[in-house]
Amino acid sequence: MSDQSLASELEKIIAGVPGVGRLYGSAPAIGEAASMARELVTTGGVSLPPRIRVADDDVVSVSIATEHGRPAPEVARAVHDAIEAFMTDRGLPLTRVDVRIAHIG
């Protein structure tokens, strides 16, 4: 499974976790905007970067917003558990899951 398809599958899983309101990009917004602008100028189009980062050291990182009324720690734990189950079910290595709460709804 390629990193791109892995990230895409993980995005779908995480977006379906109750309490997740939004997924944020894995790169800083300024750097992401600059890269997209360069790509637009050089290729005439822009591809959106994955919102899930799967590092070479088998660490999965994601930044999320939680929905109003759901405790952020509970949502973060559910996201962690969903990622862990996804990776385990596919026999993929995983050393750590980093869930960052970027916004509490």
N, C-alpha and C. Protein backbone atom coordinates (compact mmCIF):
# COMPACT_ATOMS: atom_id res chain seq x y z
N MET A 1 0.86 -1.17 0.00
CA MET A 1 0.00 0.00 0.00
C MET A 1 0.90 1.23 0.00
N SER A 2 0.67 2.16 -0.92
CA SER A 2 1.49 3.37 -0.99
C SER A 2 1.15 4.31 0.16
N ASP A 3 2.09 5.20 0.47
CA ASP A 3 1.85 6.16 1.55
C ASP A 3 0.62 7.02 1.26
N GLN A 4 0.44 7.39 -0.02
CA GLN A 4 -0.71 8.23 -0.40
C GLN A 4 -2.02 7.49 -0.19
N SER A 5 -2.09 6.23 -0.62
CA SER A 5 -3.35 5.49 -0.44
C SER A 5 -3.58 5.15 1.04
N LEU A 6 -2.49 4.90 1.78
CA LEU A 6 -2.61 4.66 3.22
C LEU A 6 -3.18 5.90 3.92
N ALA A 7 -2.63 7.05 3.58
CA ALA A 7 -3.12 8.31 4.18
C ALA A 7 -4.58 8.55 3.81
N SER A 8 -4.94 8.26 2.57
CA SER A 8 -6.31 8.46 2.12
C SER A 8 -7.28 7.54 2.87
N GLU A 9 -6.90 6.28 3.05
CA GLU A 9 -7.74 5.35 3.80
C GLU A 9 -7.88 5.78 5.26
N LEU A 10 -6.77 6.21 5.86
CA LEU A 10 -6.80 6.67 7.24
C LEU A 10 -7.69 7.90 7.40
N GLU A 11 -7.65 8.81 6.41
CA GLU A 11 -8.51 9.99 6.46
C GLU A 11 -9.97 9.59 6.55
N LYS A 12 -10.37 8.62 5.74
CA LYS A 12 -11.77 8.16 5.75
C LYS A 12 -12.14 7.57 7.11
N ILE A 13 -11.25 6.77 7.66
CA ILE A 13 -11.50 6.14 8.96
C ILE A 13 -11.65 7.21 10.05
N ILE A 14 -10.72 8.16 10.08
CA ILE A 14 -10.71 9.19 11.11
C ILE A 14 -11.91 10.13 10.98
N ALA A 15 -12.25 10.49 9.75
CA ALA A 15 -13.41 11.37 9.54
C ALA A 15 -14.70 10.74 10.05
N GLY A 16 -14.74 9.41 10.10
CA GLY A 16 -15.92 8.71 10.57
C GLY A 16 -15.99 8.50 12.07
N VAL A 17 -14.94 8.90 12.79
CA VAL A 17 -14.94 8.75 14.25
C VAL A 17 -15.89 9.78 14.86
N PRO A 18 -16.84 9.35 15.68
CA PRO A 18 -17.76 10.31 16.31
C PRO A 18 -17.00 11.38 17.10
N GLY A 19 -17.37 12.62 16.84
CA GLY A 19 -16.75 13.74 17.54
C GLY A 19 -15.68 14.45 16.74
N VAL A 20 -15.23 13.85 15.63
CA VAL A 20 -14.24 14.52 14.78
C VAL A 20 -14.99 15.48 13.87
N GLY A 21 -14.65 16.75 13.98
CA GLY A 21 -15.31 17.76 13.16
C GLY A 21 -14.57 18.07 11.89
N ARG A 22 -13.24 17.94 11.93
CA ARG A 22 -12.43 18.30 10.77
C ARG A 22 -11.03 17.73 10.93
N LEU A 23 -10.39 17.43 9.82
CA LEU A 23 -8.98 17.05 9.81
C LEU A 23 -8.20 18.21 9.23
N TYR A 24 -7.06 18.50 9.81
CA TYR A 24 -6.20 19.58 9.32
C TYR A 24 -4.99 19.00 8.60
N GLY A 25 -4.37 19.82 7.76
CA GLY A 25 -3.19 19.40 7.03
C GLY A 25 -2.04 19.05 7.95
N SER A 26 -1.18 18.15 7.48
CA SER A 26 -0.06 17.70 8.30
C SER A 26 1.12 18.66 8.25
N ALA A 27 1.10 19.59 7.29
CA ALA A 27 2.18 20.57 7.18
C ALA A 27 1.71 21.91 7.74
N PRO A 28 2.64 22.77 8.20
CA PRO A 28 2.24 24.10 8.65
C PRO A 28 1.53 24.85 7.53
N ALA A 29 0.52 25.62 7.88
CA ALA A 29 -0.31 26.31 6.89
C ALA A 29 0.50 27.20 5.95
N ILE A 30 1.48 27.94 6.46
CA ILE A 30 2.28 28.84 5.62
C ILE A 30 3.09 28.03 4.61
N GLY A 31 3.76 27.00 5.07
CA GLY A 31 4.54 26.16 4.16
C GLY A 31 3.67 25.46 3.14
N GLU A 32 2.51 25.02 3.57
CA GLU A 32 1.57 24.34 2.68
C GLU A 32 1.08 25.31 1.60
N ALA A 33 0.76 26.53 1.98
CA ALA A 33 0.29 27.53 1.02
C ALA A 33 1.37 27.88 0.02
N ALA A 34 2.61 28.01 0.49
CA ALA A 34 3.73 28.33 -0.41
C ALA A 34 3.96 27.20 -1.41
N SER A 35 3.91 25.97 -0.95
CA SER A 35 4.09 24.82 -1.85
C SER A 35 2.99 24.75 -2.89
N MET A 36 1.75 25.02 -2.47
CA MET A 36 0.63 24.97 -3.39
C MET A 36 0.74 26.09 -4.43
N ALA A 37 1.20 27.26 -4.00
CA ALA A 37 1.37 28.37 -4.94
C ALA A 37 2.44 28.05 -5.98
N ARG A 38 3.56 27.46 -5.53
CA ARG A 38 4.63 27.06 -6.46
C ARG A 38 4.11 26.03 -7.46
N GLU A 39 3.37 25.06 -6.96
CA GLU A 39 2.83 24.01 -7.82
C GLU A 39 1.87 24.60 -8.85
N LEU A 40 1.04 25.54 -8.44
CA LEU A 40 0.10 26.17 -9.35
C LEU A 40 0.83 26.90 -10.46
N VAL A 41 1.88 27.63 -10.11
CA VAL A 41 2.65 28.39 -11.10
C VAL A 41 3.40 27.46 -12.05
N THR A 42 4.01 26.42 -11.52
CA THR A 42 4.86 25.55 -12.36
C THR A 42 4.08 24.51 -13.15
N THR A 43 2.96 24.03 -12.62
CA THR A 43 2.24 22.95 -13.31
C THR A 43 0.84 23.36 -13.77
N GLY A 44 0.35 24.48 -13.28
CA GLY A 44 -0.99 24.91 -13.65
C GLY A 44 -2.10 24.27 -12.84
N GLY A 45 -1.74 23.44 -11.87
CA GLY A 45 -2.74 22.79 -11.03
C GLY A 45 -2.20 22.58 -9.63
N VAL A 46 -3.07 22.22 -8.75
CA VAL A 46 -2.67 22.02 -7.36
C VAL A 46 -3.25 20.68 -6.88
N SER A 47 -2.40 19.89 -6.24
CA SER A 47 -2.89 18.67 -5.58
C SER A 47 -2.85 18.92 -4.08
N LEU A 48 -3.91 18.57 -3.42
CA LEU A 48 -3.97 18.80 -1.98
C LEU A 48 -3.09 17.79 -1.25
N PRO A 49 -2.32 18.26 -0.28
CA PRO A 49 -1.45 17.34 0.46
C PRO A 49 -2.29 16.46 1.39
N PRO A 50 -1.77 15.30 1.73
CA PRO A 50 -2.52 14.44 2.65
C PRO A 50 -2.65 15.10 4.02
N ARG A 51 -3.75 14.83 4.69
CA ARG A 51 -3.95 15.40 6.02
C ARG A 51 -3.47 14.47 7.12
N ILE A 52 -3.00 13.30 6.73
CA ILE A 52 -2.44 12.34 7.67
C ILE A 52 -0.98 12.16 7.31
N ARG A 53 -0.13 12.15 8.30
CA ARG A 53 1.30 11.95 8.05
C ARG A 53 1.70 10.58 8.60
N VAL A 54 2.27 9.75 7.72
CA VAL A 54 2.81 8.46 8.12
C VAL A 54 4.31 8.54 7.91
N ALA A 55 5.05 8.63 9.00
CA ALA A 55 6.50 8.83 8.93
C ALA A 55 7.21 7.51 8.70
N ASP A 56 8.47 7.62 8.27
CA ASP A 56 9.31 6.45 8.00
C ASP A 56 9.52 5.60 9.25
N ASP A 57 9.41 6.22 10.42
CA ASP A 57 9.61 5.46 11.66
C ASP A 57 8.30 4.87 12.19
N ASP A 58 7.33 4.70 11.27
CA ASP A 58 6.05 4.07 11.58
C ASP A 58 5.23 4.83 12.62
N VAL A 59 5.32 6.16 12.56
CA VAL A 59 4.53 7.03 13.42
C VAL A 59 3.44 7.67 12.56
N VAL A 60 2.20 7.59 13.01
CA VAL A 60 1.08 8.22 12.32
C VAL A 60 0.70 9.47 13.10
N SER A 61 0.62 10.61 12.39
CA SER A 61 0.28 11.89 13.03
C SER A 61 -0.93 12.50 12.34
N VAL A 62 -1.82 13.07 13.15
CA VAL A 62 -3.01 13.72 12.62
C VAL A 62 -3.39 14.88 13.54
N SER A 63 -3.91 15.95 12.94
CA SER A 63 -4.45 17.09 13.69
C SER A 63 -5.94 17.18 13.38
N ILE A 64 -6.74 17.29 14.43
CA ILE A 64 -8.19 17.30 14.25
C ILE A 64 -8.84 18.45 15.01
N ALA A 65 -10.08 18.72 14.63
CA ALA A 65 -10.98 19.58 15.40
C ALA A 65 -12.06 18.67 15.95
N THR A 66 -12.47 18.93 17.17
CA THR A 66 -13.55 18.15 17.76
C THR A 66 -14.86 18.92 17.62
N GLU A 67 -15.94 18.16 17.61
CA GLU A 67 -17.27 18.77 17.52
C GLU A 67 -17.73 19.21 18.91
N HIS A 68 -18.60 20.18 18.92
CA HIS A 68 -19.18 20.69 20.17
C HIS A 68 -19.90 19.56 20.91
N GLY A 69 -19.69 19.51 22.21
CA GLY A 69 -20.41 18.56 23.03
C GLY A 69 -19.70 17.24 23.26
N ARG A 70 -18.59 17.02 22.59
CA ARG A 70 -17.84 15.77 22.80
C ARG A 70 -16.53 16.11 23.51
N PRO A 71 -16.20 15.44 24.59
CA PRO A 71 -14.93 15.72 25.28
C PRO A 71 -13.73 15.43 24.37
N ALA A 72 -12.86 16.41 24.24
CA ALA A 72 -11.70 16.29 23.35
C ALA A 72 -10.83 15.07 23.67
N PRO A 73 -10.53 14.79 24.95
CA PRO A 73 -9.71 13.60 25.24
C PRO A 73 -10.37 12.30 24.78
N GLU A 74 -11.69 12.23 24.90
CA GLU A 74 -12.42 11.04 24.47
C GLU A 74 -12.33 10.87 22.95
N VAL A 75 -12.46 11.97 22.22
CA VAL A 75 -12.36 11.92 20.76
C VAL A 75 -10.94 11.55 20.34
N ALA A 76 -9.95 12.14 20.98
CA ALA A 76 -8.55 11.83 20.66
C ALA A 76 -8.26 10.35 20.89
N ARG A 77 -8.76 9.79 21.97
CA ARG A 77 -8.56 8.36 22.26
C ARG A 77 -9.24 7.51 21.20
N ALA A 78 -10.44 7.90 20.78
CA ALA A 78 -11.16 7.14 19.75
C ALA A 78 -10.42 7.18 18.42
N VAL A 79 -9.84 8.33 18.09
CA VAL A 79 -9.05 8.45 16.86
C VAL A 79 -7.82 7.56 16.96
N HIS A 80 -7.14 7.62 18.08
CA HIS A 80 -5.96 6.76 18.31
C HIS A 80 -6.33 5.30 18.12
N ASP A 81 -7.42 4.87 18.75
CA ASP A 81 -7.84 3.48 18.69
C ASP A 81 -8.21 3.07 17.26
N ALA A 82 -8.85 3.97 16.51
CA ALA A 82 -9.23 3.67 15.12
C ALA A 82 -8.00 3.50 14.24
N ILE A 83 -7.00 4.36 14.44
CA ILE A 83 -5.75 4.25 13.67
C ILE A 83 -5.03 2.96 14.01
N GLU A 84 -4.94 2.68 15.31
CA GLU A 84 -4.26 1.46 15.76
C GLU A 84 -4.94 0.20 15.19
N ALA A 85 -6.26 0.16 15.23
CA ALA A 85 -6.99 -0.98 14.70
C ALA A 85 -6.79 -1.13 13.19
N PHE A 86 -6.83 -0.01 12.48
CA PHE A 86 -6.64 -0.01 11.02
C PHE A 86 -5.27 -0.59 10.67
N MET A 87 -4.24 -0.11 11.33
CA MET A 87 -2.88 -0.56 11.03
C MET A 87 -2.69 -2.03 11.42
N THR A 88 -3.19 -2.41 12.57
CA THR A 88 -3.06 -3.80 13.05
C THR A 88 -3.79 -4.77 12.14
N ASP A 89 -5.02 -4.41 11.74
CA ASP A 89 -5.81 -5.28 10.87
C ASP A 89 -5.12 -5.56 9.53
N ARG A 90 -4.29 -4.63 9.09
CA ARG A 90 -3.60 -4.77 7.81
C ARG A 90 -2.16 -5.27 7.96
N GLY A 91 -1.76 -5.54 9.20
CA GLY A 91 -0.41 -6.04 9.44
C GLY A 91 0.66 -5.00 9.18
N LEU A 92 0.30 -3.72 9.29
CA LEU A 92 1.25 -2.63 9.04
C LEU A 92 1.94 -2.23 10.34
N PRO A 93 3.22 -1.92 10.27
CA PRO A 93 3.94 -1.55 11.49
C PRO A 93 3.48 -0.21 12.04
N LEU A 94 3.48 -0.10 13.35
CA LEU A 94 3.08 1.13 14.02
C LEU A 94 3.82 1.23 15.34
N THR A 95 4.58 2.31 15.52
CA THR A 95 5.29 2.50 16.78
C THR A 95 4.61 3.53 17.67
N ARG A 96 3.89 4.48 17.04
CA ARG A 96 3.25 5.53 17.84
C ARG A 96 2.16 6.20 17.01
N VAL A 97 1.14 6.69 17.70
CA VAL A 97 0.08 7.48 17.08
C VAL A 97 0.06 8.83 17.79
N ASP A 98 0.21 9.91 17.03
CA ASP A 98 0.13 11.26 17.57
C ASP A 98 -1.16 11.90 17.09
N VAL A 99 -2.05 12.22 18.04
CA VAL A 99 -3.30 12.90 17.73
C VAL A 99 -3.24 14.27 18.36
N ARG A 100 -3.28 15.30 17.54
CA ARG A 100 -3.23 16.68 18.02
C ARG A 100 -4.62 17.30 17.90
N ILE A 101 -5.09 17.87 18.98
CA ILE A 101 -6.37 18.59 18.96
C ILE A 101 -6.04 20.04 18.60
N ALA A 102 -6.36 20.42 17.36
CA ALA A 102 -6.05 21.77 16.89
C ALA A 102 -7.18 22.75 17.21
N HIS A 103 -8.38 22.23 17.39
CA HIS A 103 -9.51 23.10 17.69
C HIS A 103 -10.56 22.28 18.43
N ILE A 104 -11.10 22.86 19.49
CA ILE A 104 -12.17 22.21 20.24
C ILE A 104 -13.46 22.91 19.90
N GLY A 105 -14.42 22.15 19.33
CA GLY A 105 -15.66 22.71 18.82
C GLY A 105 -16.57 23.11 19.90
